[in-house]
C-alpha atoms as a PDB file:
ATOM      1  CA  MET A   1       8.802  -1.530 -28.469  1.00  0.00           C
ATOM      2  CA  THR A   2       7.921  -5.221 -28.693  1.00  0.00           C
ATOM      3  CA  GLN A   3       4.539  -6.027 -27.178  1.00  0.00           C
ATOM      4  CA  ARG A   4       4.941  -8.244 -24.140  1.00  0.00           C
ATOM      5  CA  PRO A   5       2.487 -11.085 -23.432  1.00  0.00           C
ATOM      6  CA  ASP A   6      -0.600 -10.431 -21.334  1.00  0.00           C
ATOM      7  CA  ILE A   7       0.642 -11.630 -17.959  1.00  0.00           C
ATOM      8  CA  ALA A   8      -2.769 -11.423 -16.352  1.00  0.00           C
ATOM      9  CA  ARG A   9      -4.058 -14.011 -18.838  1.00  0.00           C
ATOM     10  CA  GLY A  10      -0.954 -16.184 -18.537  1.00  0.00           C
ATOM     11  CA  GLY A  11       0.107 -15.543 -22.122  1.00  0.00           C
ATOM     12  CA  SER A  12       3.811 -16.020 -21.465  1.00  0.00           C
ATOM     13  CA  SER A  13       5.798 -19.069 -22.500  1.00  0.00           C
ATOM     14  CA  VAL A  14       8.083 -20.238 -19.693  1.00  0.00           C
ATOM     15  CA  LEU A  15      10.945 -22.694 -19.319  1.00  0.00           C
ATOM     16  CA  ALA A  16      11.260 -23.800 -15.695  1.00  0.00           C
ATOM     17  CA  ILE A  17      14.456 -25.585 -14.633  1.00  0.00           C
ATOM     18  CA  CYS A  18      14.096 -27.574 -11.446  1.00  0.00           C
ATOM     19  CA  GLY A  19      14.818 -30.512  -9.228  1.00  0.00           C
ATOM     20  CA  GLY A  20      12.318 -32.169  -6.935  1.00  0.00           C
ATOM     21  CA  VAL A  21      10.009 -30.964  -4.175  1.00  0.00           C
ATOM     22  CA  GLY A  22      10.976 -27.280  -3.835  1.00  0.00           C
ATOM     23  CA  GLY A  23      11.250 -26.672  -7.551  1.00  0.00           C
ATOM     24  CA  ALA A  24       8.064 -28.595  -8.272  1.00  0.00           C
ATOM     25  CA  LYS A  25       6.108 -26.222  -6.024  1.00  0.00           C
ATOM     26  CA  LEU A  26       6.953 -23.248  -8.223  1.00  0.00           C
ATOM     27  CA  ALA A  27       6.508 -25.342 -11.371  1.00  0.00           C
ATOM     28  CA  LEU A  28       2.950 -26.043 -10.202  1.00  0.00           C
ATOM     29  CA  GLY A  29       2.332 -22.339  -9.638  1.00  0.00           C
ATOM     30  CA  LEU A  30       3.551 -21.577 -13.149  1.00  0.00           C
ATOM     31  CA  TYR A  31       1.466 -24.412 -14.553  1.00  0.00           C
ATOM     32  CA  ARG A  32      -1.679 -23.016 -12.960  1.00  0.00           C
ATOM     33  CA  VAL A  33      -1.240 -19.372 -14.010  1.00  0.00           C
ATOM     34  CA  LEU A  34      -0.064 -20.022 -17.578  1.00  0.00           C
ATOM     35  CA  GLU A  35      -2.265 -21.007 -20.475  1.00  0.00           C
ATOM     36  CA  PRO A  36      -2.191 -24.746 -21.329  1.00  0.00           C
ATOM     37  CA  GLY A  37       0.874 -25.716 -23.330  1.00  0.00           C
ATOM     38  CA  ARG A  38       2.868 -22.633 -22.308  1.00  0.00           C
ATOM     39  CA  LEU A  39       5.082 -24.334 -19.702  1.00  0.00           C
ATOM     40  CA  THR A  40       8.125 -26.507 -20.292  1.00  0.00           C
ATOM     41  CA  VAL A  41       9.848 -28.044 -17.261  1.00  0.00           C
ATOM     42  CA  LEU A  42      13.453 -29.218 -17.633  1.00  0.00           C
ATOM     43  CA  VAL A  43      14.126 -31.618 -14.769  1.00  0.00           C
ATOM     44  CA  ASN A  44      17.264 -32.911 -13.076  1.00  0.00           C
ATOM     45  CA  THR A  45      18.047 -36.603 -13.557  1.00  0.00           C
ATOM     46  CA  GLY A  46      21.323 -36.645 -11.619  1.00  0.00           C
ATOM     47  CA  ASP A  47      19.389 -38.274  -8.752  1.00  0.00           C
ATOM     48  CA  ASP A  48      18.278 -41.213 -10.922  1.00  0.00           C
ATOM     49  CA  PHE A  49      19.493 -44.622  -9.800  1.00  0.00           C
ATOM     50  CA  GLU A  50      18.755 -48.320 -10.039  1.00  0.00           C
ATOM     51  CA  HIS A  51      17.064 -49.863  -7.023  1.00  0.00           C
ATOM     52  CA  LEU A  52      15.562 -53.342  -6.699  1.00  0.00           C
ATOM     53  CA  GLY A  53      16.290 -53.761 -10.382  1.00  0.00           C
ATOM     54  CA  LEU A  54      14.178 -50.727 -11.294  1.00  0.00           C
ATOM     55  CA  HIS A  55      15.084 -47.380 -12.843  1.00  0.00           C
ATOM     56  CA  ILE A  56      14.051 -44.710 -10.311  1.00  0.00           C
ATOM     57  CA  SER A  57      13.726 -41.047 -11.400  1.00  0.00           C
ATOM     58  CA  PRO A  58      12.835 -39.210  -8.163  1.00  0.00           C
ATOM     59  CA  ASP A  59      12.795 -35.608  -9.423  1.00  0.00           C
ATOM     60  CA  ILE A  60      11.011 -36.461 -12.652  1.00  0.00           C
ATOM     61  CA  ASP A  61       8.338 -38.357 -10.737  1.00  0.00           C
ATOM     62  CA  THR A  62       7.915 -35.563  -8.189  1.00  0.00           C
ATOM     63  CA  VAL A  63       7.219 -33.097 -11.008  1.00  0.00           C
ATOM     64  CA  LEU A  64       4.852 -35.539 -12.724  1.00  0.00           C
ATOM     65  CA  TYR A  65       2.916 -36.221  -9.529  1.00  0.00           C
ATOM     66  CA  THR A  66       2.817 -32.537  -8.561  1.00  0.00           C
ATOM     67  CA  LEU A  67       1.575 -31.214 -11.898  1.00  0.00           C
ATOM     68  CA  GLY A  68      -0.748 -34.197 -12.284  1.00  0.00           C
ATOM     69  CA  GLY A  69      -2.420 -33.542  -8.926  1.00  0.00           C
ATOM     70  CA  LEU A  70      -1.203 -36.876  -7.557  1.00  0.00           C
ATOM     71  CA  ALA A  71       1.428 -35.772  -5.023  1.00  0.00           C
ATOM     72  CA  ASP A  72       1.145 -36.558  -1.325  1.00  0.00           C
ATOM     73  CA  PRO A  73       0.662 -33.170   0.394  1.00  0.00           C
ATOM     74  CA  GLU A  74       1.663 -34.464   3.834  1.00  0.00           C
ATOM     75  CA  ARG A  75       4.951 -36.233   3.091  1.00  0.00           C
ATOM     76  CA  GLY A  76       5.859 -33.828   0.294  1.00  0.00           C
ATOM     77  CA  TRP A  77       7.009 -36.709  -1.931  1.00  0.00           C
ATOM     78  CA  GLY A  78       5.433 -39.756  -3.517  1.00  0.00           C
ATOM     79  CA  ARG A  79       1.758 -40.216  -4.346  1.00  0.00           C
ATOM     80  CA  ARG A  80      -1.275 -39.429  -2.237  1.00  0.00           C
ATOM     81  CA  ASP A  81      -3.495 -42.231  -0.952  1.00  0.00           C
ATOM     82  CA  GLU A  82      -0.513 -44.551  -1.287  1.00  0.00           C
ATOM     83  CA  THR A  83      -0.353 -48.100   0.053  1.00  0.00           C
ATOM     84  CA  TRP A  84       2.767 -49.967   1.146  1.00  0.00           C
ATOM     85  CA  ALA A  85       2.033 -53.669   0.831  1.00  0.00           C
ATOM     86  CA  CYS A  86       5.070 -54.383  -1.346  1.00  0.00           C
ATOM     87  CA  MET A  87       7.472 -52.582   1.004  1.00  0.00           C
ATOM     88  CA  GLU A  88       6.064 -54.431   3.986  1.00  0.00           C
ATOM     89  CA  ALA A  89       6.563 -57.734   2.184  1.00  0.00           C
ATOM     90  CA  LEU A  90      10.130 -56.775   1.267  1.00  0.00           C
ATOM     91  CA  LYS A  91      10.905 -55.929   4.888  1.00  0.00           C
ATOM     92  CA  ALA A  92       9.549 -59.324   5.920  1.00  0.00           C
ATOM     93  CA  LEU A  93      12.077 -60.879   3.524  1.00  0.00           C
ATOM     94  CA  ASP A  94      14.920 -58.783   5.002  1.00  0.00           C
ATOM     95  CA  ALA A  95      15.313 -57.172   1.564  1.00  0.00           C
ATOM     96  CA  GLU A  96      16.511 -53.618   0.976  1.00  0.00           C
ATOM     97  CA  SER A  97      13.882 -51.249   2.304  1.00  0.00           C
ATOM     98  CA  TRP A  98      15.782 -48.030   3.066  1.00  0.00           C
ATOM     99  CA  PHE A  99      14.330 -46.289   0.004  1.00  0.00           C
ATOM    100  CA  LEU A 100      10.558 -46.280   0.334  1.00  0.00           C
ATOM    101  CA  LEU A 101       8.482 -47.064  -2.735  1.00  0.00           C
ATOM    102  CA  GLY A 102       4.709 -47.100  -2.499  1.00  0.00           C
ATOM    103  CA  ASP A 103       2.591 -49.527  -4.494  1.00  0.00           C
ATOM    104  CA  LYS A 104       1.285 -46.928  -6.962  1.00  0.00           C
ATOM    105  CA  ASP A 105       4.759 -45.440  -7.272  1.00  0.00           C
ATOM    106  CA  LEU A 106       6.174 -48.886  -8.019  1.00  0.00           C
ATOM    107  CA  ALA A 107       3.869 -49.216 -11.016  1.00  0.00           C
ATOM    108  CA  VAL A 108       5.545 -46.162 -12.579  1.00  0.00           C
ATOM    109  CA  HIS A 109       9.043 -47.529 -11.921  1.00  0.00           C
ATOM    110  CA  ILE A 110       8.167 -50.955 -13.301  1.00  0.00           C
ATOM    111  CA  GLU A 111       6.670 -49.557 -16.494  1.00  0.00           C
ATOM    112  CA  ARG A 112       9.537 -47.086 -17.002  1.00  0.00           C
ATOM    113  CA  THR A 113      12.114 -49.856 -16.558  1.00  0.00           C
ATOM    114  CA  ARG A 114      10.273 -52.159 -18.959  1.00  0.00           C
ATOM    115  CA  ARG A 115      10.087 -49.480 -21.643  1.00  0.00           C
ATOM    116  CA  LEU A 116      13.736 -48.449 -21.200  1.00  0.00           C
ATOM    117  CA  LYS A 117      14.812 -52.064 -21.644  1.00  0.00           C
ATOM    118  CA  ALA A 118      12.658 -52.199 -24.788  1.00  0.00           C
ATOM    119  CA  GLY A 119      14.736 -49.358 -26.242  1.00  0.00           C
ATOM    120  CA  GLU A 120      12.556 -46.316 -25.582  1.00  0.00           C
ATOM    121  CA  THR A 121      14.115 -43.056 -24.434  1.00  0.00           C
ATOM    122  CA  LEU A 122      13.546 -41.601 -20.991  1.00  0.00           C
ATOM    123  CA  SER A 123      12.165 -38.404 -22.532  1.00  0.00           C
ATOM    124  CA  GLY A 124       9.667 -40.368 -24.608  1.00  0.00           C
ATOM    125  CA  ILE A 125       8.538 -42.336 -21.581  1.00  0.00           C
ATOM    126  CA  VAL A 126       8.182 -39.209 -19.434  1.00  0.00           C
ATOM    127  CA  GLY A 127       6.182 -37.496 -22.156  1.00  0.00           C
ATOM    128  CA  GLY A 128       3.856 -40.479 -22.288  1.00  0.00           C
ATOM    129  CA  PHE A 129       3.403 -40.485 -18.518  1.00  0.00           C
ATOM    130  CA  ALA A 130       2.628 -36.748 -18.571  1.00  0.00           C
ATOM    131  CA  ARG A 131      -0.087 -37.234 -21.179  1.00  0.00           C
ATOM    132  CA  HIS A 132      -1.490 -40.180 -19.215  1.00  0.00           C
ATOM    133  CA  PHE A 133      -1.706 -37.993 -16.099  1.00  0.00           C
ATOM    134  CA  GLY A 134      -3.473 -35.260 -18.087  1.00  0.00           C
ATOM    135  CA  ILE A 135      -0.632 -32.744 -17.816  1.00  0.00           C
ATOM    136  CA  ALA A 136      -0.806 -29.928 -20.383  1.00  0.00           C
ATOM    137  CA  ALA A 137       2.889 -29.053 -20.079  1.00  0.00           C
ATOM    138  CA  GLU A 138       6.115 -30.459 -21.473  1.00  0.00           C
ATOM    139  CA  ILE A 139       8.156 -32.286 -18.827  1.00  0.00           C
ATOM    140  CA  VAL A 140      11.624 -32.952 -20.181  1.00  0.00           C
ATOM    141  CA  PRO A 141      14.534 -34.861 -18.593  1.00  0.00           C
ATOM    142  CA  MET A 142      17.779 -32.890 -18.760  1.00  0.00           C
ATOM    143  CA  SER A 143      19.239 -35.683 -20.923  1.00  0.00           C
ATOM    144  CA  ASP A 144      18.419 -39.161 -22.140  1.00  0.00           C
ATOM    145  CA  ASP A 145      22.025 -40.037 -21.297  1.00  0.00           C
ATOM    146  CA  PRO A 146      22.873 -41.049 -17.714  1.00  0.00           C
ATOM    147  CA  VAL A 147      24.356 -38.410 -15.416  1.00  0.00           C
ATOM    148  CA  ARG A 148      24.914 -39.364 -11.807  1.00  0.00           C
ATOM    149  CA  THR A 149      25.573 -37.029  -8.872  1.00  0.00           C
ATOM    150  CA  LEU A 150      28.410 -38.242  -6.623  1.00  0.00           C
ATOM    151  CA  LEU A 151      29.518 -36.708  -3.335  1.00  0.00           C
ATOM    152  CA  ASP A 152      33.042 -36.978  -1.922  1.00  0.00           C
ATOM    153  CA  SER A 153      32.419 -37.072   1.828  1.00  0.00           C
ATOM    154  CA  ASP A 154      34.004 -37.965   5.147  1.00  0.00           C
ATOM    155  CA  GLU A 155      32.507 -41.409   4.586  1.00  0.00           C
ATOM    156  CA  GLY A 156      33.986 -41.768   1.112  1.00  0.00           C
ATOM    157  CA  GLU A 157      32.199 -41.439  -2.198  1.00  0.00           C
ATOM    158  CA  LEU A 158      28.424 -41.535  -1.881  1.00  0.00           C
ATOM    159  CA  THR A 159      25.763 -41.569  -4.550  1.00  0.00           C
ATOM    160  CA  PHE A 160      23.102 -38.915  -4.182  1.00  0.00           C
ATOM    161  CA  GLN A 161      20.524 -41.289  -2.713  1.00  0.00           C
ATOM    162  CA  GLN A 162      23.042 -42.777  -0.282  1.00  0.00           C
ATOM    163  CA  TYR A 163      23.826 -39.273   0.955  1.00  0.00           C
ATOM    164  CA  PHE A 164      20.324 -37.815   0.871  1.00  0.00           C
ATOM    165  CA  VAL A 165      18.126 -40.721   1.937  1.00  0.00           C
ATOM    166  CA  ALA A 166      20.263 -43.395   3.584  1.00  0.00           C
ATOM    167  CA  ARG A 167      22.553 -40.987   5.478  1.00  0.00           C
ATOM    168  CA  GLN A 168      20.054 -38.115   5.805  1.00  0.00           C
ATOM    169  CA  CYS A 169      22.625 -35.542   4.553  1.00  0.00           C
ATOM    170  CA  GLN A 170      24.766 -36.019   7.680  1.00  0.00           C
ATOM    171  CA  PRO A 171      28.265 -36.622   6.235  1.00  0.00           C
ATOM    172  CA  LYS A 172      30.459 -33.600   5.570  1.00  0.00           C
ATOM    173  CA  VAL A 173      30.924 -33.102   1.830  1.00  0.00           C
ATOM    174  CA  HIS A 174      34.242 -32.054   0.271  1.00  0.00           C
ATOM    175  CA  ALA A 175      33.323 -32.062  -3.421  1.00  0.00           C
ATOM    176  CA  ILE A 176      30.471 -32.905  -5.793  1.00  0.00           C
ATOM    177  CA  SER A 177      30.926 -34.442  -9.242  1.00  0.00           C
ATOM    178  CA  PHE A 178      28.548 -35.425 -12.017  1.00  0.00           C
ATOM    179  CA  ALA A 179      29.564 -38.645 -13.730  1.00  0.00           C
ATOM    180  CA  GLY A 180      28.549 -38.700 -17.376  1.00  0.00           C
ATOM    181  CA  ALA A 181      27.836 -34.975 -17.677  1.00  0.00           C
ATOM    182  CA  GLU A 182      30.638 -34.335 -20.178  1.00  0.00           C
ATOM    183  CA  ALA A 183      29.216 -36.840 -22.647  1.00  0.00           C
ATOM    184  CA  ALA A 184      25.527 -36.184 -21.983  1.00  0.00           C
ATOM    185  CA  ARG A 185      23.462 -34.727 -24.822  1.00  0.00           C
ATOM    186  CA  ALA A 186      20.971 -31.996 -24.037  1.00  0.00           C
ATOM    187  CA  PRO A 187      17.410 -32.088 -25.417  1.00  0.00           C
ATOM    188  CA  GLN A 188      17.622 -30.452 -28.844  1.00  0.00           C
ATOM    189  CA  ALA A 189      14.199 -28.830 -28.501  1.00  0.00           C
ATOM    190  CA  ILE A 190      15.382 -27.024 -25.350  1.00  0.00           C
ATOM    191  CA  LEU A 191      18.567 -25.814 -27.040  1.00  0.00           C
ATOM    192  CA  ASP A 192      16.558 -24.598 -30.037  1.00  0.00           C
ATOM    193  CA  GLY A 193      14.076 -22.838 -27.771  1.00  0.00           C
ATOM    194  CA  LEU A 194      16.809 -21.057 -25.827  1.00  0.00           C
ATOM    195  CA  GLY A 195      18.618 -20.044 -28.994  1.00  0.00           C
ATOM    196  CA  GLY A 196      15.477 -18.835 -30.728  1.00  0.00           C
ATOM    197  CA  ALA A 197      14.036 -16.857 -27.800  1.00  0.00           C
ATOM    198  CA  ALA A 198      11.027 -19.190 -27.711  1.00  0.00           C
ATOM    199  CA  TYR A 199      10.578 -18.499 -23.999  1.00  0.00           C
ATOM    200  CA  ASP A 200       9.337 -15.229 -22.513  1.00  0.00           C
ATOM    201  CA  ALA A 201      10.987 -16.292 -19.263  1.00  0.00           C
ATOM    202  CA  VAL A 202      13.493 -18.878 -18.095  1.00  0.00           C
ATOM    203  CA  VAL A 203      13.139 -19.590 -14.377  1.00  0.00           C
ATOM    204  CA  LEU A 204      15.652 -21.463 -12.243  1.00  0.00           C
ATOM    205  CA  CYS A 205      13.308 -22.748  -9.568  1.00  0.00           C
ATOM    206  CA  PRO A 206      14.201 -22.706  -5.853  1.00  0.00           C
ATOM    207  CA  SER A 207      15.815 -26.135  -5.965  1.00  0.00           C
ATOM    208  CA  ASN A 208      19.166 -26.911  -4.347  1.00  0.00           C
ATOM    209  CA  PRO A 209      21.676 -25.143  -6.646  1.00  0.00           C
ATOM    210  CA  LEU A 210      24.465 -27.654  -5.944  1.00  0.00           C
ATOM    211  CA  LEU A 211      22.503 -30.904  -6.091  1.00  0.00           C
ATOM    212  CA  SER A 212      19.505 -30.188  -8.319  1.00  0.00           C
ATOM    213  CA  ILE A 213      20.451 -27.369 -10.719  1.00  0.00           C
ATOM    214  CA  ASP A 214      24.207 -27.942 -11.141  1.00  0.00           C
ATOM    215  CA  PRO A 215      23.767 -31.403 -12.723  1.00  0.00           C
ATOM    216  CA  ILE A 216      21.790 -29.668 -15.486  1.00  0.00           C
ATOM    217  CA  LEU A 217      24.281 -26.829 -15.835  1.00  0.00           C
ATOM    218  CA  ARG A 218      27.185 -29.285 -16.114  1.00  0.00           C
ATOM    219  CA  ILE A 219      25.891 -30.328 -19.530  1.00  0.00           C
ATOM    220  CA  GLU A 220      28.031 -27.918 -21.515  1.00  0.00           C
ATOM    221  CA  THR A 221      25.603 -27.267 -24.352  1.00  0.00           C
ATOM    222  CA  LEU A 222      22.797 -26.479 -21.909  1.00  0.00           C
ATOM    223  CA  ARG A 223      24.908 -24.093 -19.872  1.00  0.00           C
ATOM    224  CA  GLY A 224      26.133 -22.367 -23.004  1.00  0.00           C
ATOM    225  CA  ALA A 225      22.616 -22.029 -24.399  1.00  0.00           C
ATOM    226  CA  LEU A 226      21.370 -20.632 -21.099  1.00  0.00           C
ATOM    227  CA  ALA A 227      24.184 -18.083 -20.935  1.00  0.00           C
ATOM    228  CA  ALA A 228      23.593 -16.958 -24.518  1.00  0.00           C
ATOM    229  CA  THR A 229      19.807 -16.984 -24.735  1.00  0.00           C
ATOM    230  CA  PRO A 230      18.132 -13.665 -25.560  1.00  0.00           C
ATOM    231  CA  SER A 231      15.293 -14.652 -23.224  1.00  0.00           C
ATOM    232  CA  PRO A 232      15.396 -13.173 -19.698  1.00  0.00           C
ATOM    233  CA  VAL A 233      16.732 -15.672 -17.158  1.00  0.00           C
ATOM    234  CA  ILE A 234      15.904 -15.405 -13.475  1.00  0.00           C
ATOM    235  CA  ALA A 235      16.549 -17.584 -10.439  1.00  0.00           C
ATOM    236  CA  VAL A 236      14.511 -17.906  -7.263  1.00  0.00           C
ATOM    237  CA  SER A 237      16.674 -18.197  -4.174  1.00  0.00           C
ATOM    238  CA  PRO A 238      16.122 -21.410  -2.194  1.00  0.00           C
ATOM    239  CA  LEU A 239      17.557 -19.692   0.896  1.00  0.00           C
ATOM    240  CA  VAL A 240      15.588 -17.426   3.212  1.00  0.00           C
ATOM    241  CA  GLY A 241      17.579 -15.602   5.852  1.00  0.00           C
ATOM    242  CA  GLY A 242      20.565 -17.829   5.126  1.00  0.00           C
ATOM    243  CA  GLN A 243      18.639 -21.040   5.719  1.00  0.00           C
ATOM    244  CA  ALA A 244      17.071 -23.609   3.432  1.00  0.00           C
ATOM    245  CA  LEU A 245      13.421 -24.323   4.157  1.00  0.00           C
ATOM    246  CA  LYS A 246      14.102 -27.974   3.407  1.00  0.00           C
ATOM    247  CA  GLY A 247      17.169 -29.981   2.491  1.00  0.00           C
ATOM    248  CA  PRO A 248      20.917 -29.442   2.817  1.00  0.00           C
ATOM    249  CA  ALA A 249      21.454 -26.429   0.517  1.00  0.00           C
ATOM    250  CA  ALA A 250      22.831 -24.102   3.214  1.00  0.00           C
ATOM    251  CA  LYS A 251      24.909 -26.881   4.806  1.00  0.00           C
ATOM    252  CA  LEU A 252      26.483 -27.858   1.490  1.00  0.00           C
ATOM    253  CA  MET A 253      27.198 -24.291   0.447  1.00  0.00           C
ATOM    254  CA  LYS A 254      29.101 -23.686   3.680  1.00  0.00           C
ATOM    255  CA  GLU A 255      31.018 -26.979   3.419  1.00  0.00           C
ATOM    256  CA  LEU A 256      32.053 -26.215  -0.166  1.00  0.00           C
ATOM    257  CA  GLY A 257      33.166 -22.652   0.526  1.00  0.00           C
ATOM    258  CA  HIS A 258      30.145 -20.720  -0.725  1.00  0.00           C
ATOM    259  CA  ALA A 259      28.312 -18.050   1.236  1.00  0.00           C
ATOM    260  CA  ALA A 260      25.029 -19.500   2.490  1.00  0.00           C
ATOM    261  CA  SER A 261      23.090 -16.365   1.585  1.00  0.00           C
ATOM    262  CA  VAL A 262      21.330 -14.693  -1.314  1.00  0.00           C
ATOM    263  CA  GLU A 263      24.724 -13.194  -2.218  1.00  0.00           C
ATOM    264  CA  GLY A 264      26.083 -16.747  -2.470  1.00  0.00           C
ATOM    265  CA  ILE A 265      23.190 -17.762  -4.711  1.00  0.00           C
ATOM    266  CA  ALA A 266      23.750 -14.732  -6.965  1.00  0.00           C
ATOM    267  CA  ASP A 267      27.477 -15.505  -7.192  1.00  0.00           C
ATOM    268  CA  HIS A 268      26.773 -19.160  -7.989  1.00  0.00           C
ATOM    269  CA  TYR A 269      24.618 -18.201 -10.966  1.00  0.00           C
ATOM    270  CA  ARG A 270      26.836 -15.311 -12.087  1.00  0.00           C
ATOM    271  CA  GLY A 271      26.885 -14.961 -15.880  1.00  0.00           C
ATOM    272  CA  LEU A 272      23.736 -17.064 -16.281  1.00  0.00           C
ATOM    273  CA  ILE A 273      20.956 -14.960 -14.776  1.00  0.00           C
ATOM    274  CA  ASP A 274      19.579 -11.492 -15.339  1.00  0.00           C
ATOM    275  CA  GLY A 275      17.735 -11.326 -12.049  1.00  0.00           C
ATOM    276  CA  LEU A 276      17.302 -13.002  -8.675  1.00  0.00           C
ATOM    277  CA  VAL A 277      14.046 -13.339  -6.768  1.00  0.00           C
ATOM    278  CA  ILE A 278      14.686 -13.151  -3.026  1.00  0.00           C
ATOM    279  CA  ASP A 279      12.468 -13.302   0.020  1.00  0.00           C
ATOM    280  CA  THR A 280      11.386 -10.056   1.675  1.00  0.00           C
ATOM    281  CA  LEU A 281      13.350 -11.214   4.730  1.00  0.00           C
ATOM    282  CA  ASP A 282      16.508 -10.687   2.627  1.00  0.00           C
ATOM    283  CA  ARG A 283      15.429  -7.311   1.225  1.00  0.00           C
ATOM    284  CA  ASP A 284      18.361  -5.481   2.849  1.00  0.00           C
ATOM    285  CA  HIS A 285      20.790  -7.645   0.851  1.00  0.00           C
ATOM    286  CA  ALA A 286      19.426  -6.572  -2.539  1.00  0.00           C
ATOM    287  CA  SER A 287      21.881  -3.697  -3.063  1.00  0.00           C
ATOM    288  CA  GLY A 288      24.893  -6.017  -2.743  1.00  0.00           C
ATOM    289  CA  LEU A 289      23.828  -8.664  -5.231  1.00  0.00           C
ATOM    290  CA  ARG A 290      25.324  -7.117  -8.407  1.00  0.00           C
ATOM    291  CA  VAL A 291      22.269  -8.382 -10.282  1.00  0.00           C
ATOM    292  CA  ALA A 292      18.698  -7.116 -10.581  1.00  0.00           C
ATOM    293  CA  SER A 293      16.550  -8.432  -7.749  1.00  0.00           C
ATOM    294  CA  LEU A 294      12.921  -8.747  -6.744  1.00  0.00           C
ATOM    295  CA  PRO A 295      12.157  -9.030  -3.023  1.00  0.00           C
ATOM    296  CA  THR A 296       8.859 -10.848  -2.517  1.00  0.00           C
ATOM    297  CA  GLN A 297       7.407 -13.698  -0.480  1.00  0.00           C
ATOM    298  CA  THR A 298       9.172 -16.838  -1.676  1.00  0.00           C
ATOM    299  CA  VAL A 299       7.930 -19.256   0.992  1.00  0.00           C
ATOM    300  CA  MET A 300       5.210 -21.389  -0.632  1.00  0.00           C
ATOM    301  CA  ARG A 301       2.971 -22.798   2.087  1.00  0.00           C
ATOM    302  CA  SER A 302      -0.224 -22.816   0.049  1.00  0.00           C
ATOM    303  CA  LEU A 303      -1.379 -23.184  -3.515  1.00  0.00           C
ATOM    304  CA  GLU A 304      -2.122 -19.462  -3.543  1.00  0.00           C
ATOM    305  CA  ASP A 305       1.498 -18.764  -2.519  1.00  0.00           C
ATOM    306  CA  ARG A 306       2.748 -20.819  -5.464  1.00  0.00           C
ATOM    307  CA  GLU A 307       0.528 -19.027  -7.944  1.00  0.00           C
ATOM    308  CA  ARG A 308       1.439 -15.587  -6.572  1.00  0.00           C
ATOM    309  CA  LEU A 309       5.169 -16.314  -6.767  1.00  0.00           C
ATOM    310  CA  ALA A 310       4.710 -17.617 -10.305  1.00  0.00           C
ATOM    311  CA  ARG A 311       3.031 -14.364 -11.342  1.00  0.00           C
ATOM    312  CA  ASP A 312       5.809 -12.379  -9.656  1.00  0.00           C
ATOM    313  CA  CYS A 313       8.422 -14.341 -11.634  1.00  0.00           C
ATOM    314  CA  ILE A 314       6.629 -13.760 -14.934  1.00  0.00           C
ATOM    315  CA  ALA A 315       6.183 -10.041 -14.247  1.00  0.00           C
ATOM    316  CA  PHE A 316       9.828  -9.681 -13.150  1.00  0.00           C
ATOM    317  CA  SER A 317      11.006 -11.417 -16.320  1.00  0.00           C
ATOM    318  CA  ALA A 318       8.860  -9.115 -18.462  1.00  0.00           C
ATOM    319  CA  GLU A 319      10.347  -6.095 -16.697  1.00  0.00           C
ATOM    320  CA  LEU A 320      13.884  -7.346 -17.331  1.00  0.00           C
ATOM    321  CA  ALA A 321      13.074  -7.961 -20.990  1.00  0.00           C
ATOM    322  CA  GLU A 322      11.828  -4.376 -21.320  1.00  0.00           C
ATOM    323  CA  ARG A 323      15.069  -3.161 -19.740  1.00  0.00           C
ATOM    324  CA  ARG A 324      17.008  -5.378 -22.186  1.00  0.00           C
ATOM    325  CA  LEU A 325      19.110  -6.838 -19.389  1.00  0.00           C
ATOM    326  CA  PRO A 326      19.688 -10.149 -21.207  1.00  0.00           C
ATOM    327  CA  SER A 327      22.067  -8.273 -23.542  1.00  0.00           C
ATOM    328  CA  ALA A 328      24.053  -7.084 -20.533  1.00  0.00           C
ATOM    329  CA  ARG A 329      24.339 -10.666 -19.272  1.00  0.00           C
ATOM    330  CA  ARG A 330      25.667 -11.927 -22.602  1.00  0.00           C
ATOM    331  CA  ALA A 331      28.214  -9.136 -22.592  1.00  0.00           C
ATOM    332  CA  GLY A 332      29.411 -10.293 -19.176  1.00  0.00           C
ATOM    333  CA  CYS A 333      28.260  -7.164 -17.326  1.00  0.00           C
END
């Protein structure tokens, strides 16, 4: 039998797939329990948009700030010890101020925009930022090509930020599309890693499956590589007792005809995952999931919660690898 990595020492190599705040919490837990250089985070860029002439990458920046120890723990987004002089001046000019950008945050957007216009790739820029922030993990955009999440709603077509920030997720949504996904190229290093079993675990973090994970999965080569990888693939449910702790996941699932439950999450990822991590509150639903499951505490209120859940995910993945469940997934069982 193949020797598995020493989980207690963080010897596993993990690919985490995530969006913003919720996913970044688990990514931080994984980052802290794994040895340096053992974590790769593939991040949604469907939320990216241009604002005030700047290229904004909200999920990428949330992961950078979180792993770099720079995130604001009170707001849950942006940078700690932030100042707002620029936004206040913009408001005084009656300029657009619905999307808040702190002064330190603005520096990142300005430098990213400058370097993109100079011909650098988003992935190269993000890698440079990660090194600057002292992050010993690979943070990788899902593509250097633009993919934009669009929502068909009662108020017409809305971009992600219009829906999420400007309208506070209030409009009813009829469909979600991802402009540019068909032509987007996936990071070759991620495809090679999935194909070569470079990861001891692939973890779909508890991000919104429809808004944060689906943009990544709509890149055909990424979805295909994830479905075919010999590495164990697990997802962590973002729903607890049928409710999202934050954000519109449950609301959107109901509006789009999905069950807002752990069963709905399992069905959404059918054919891609070998196991689903669910909260102990949903333990009674485990037998109906048609996929291996691990009931545990998934609510991450503290740093200790994030580290404990990360260890649970690594141990669960190792167990699935020993049971050779990835082969069953590839066979469509």
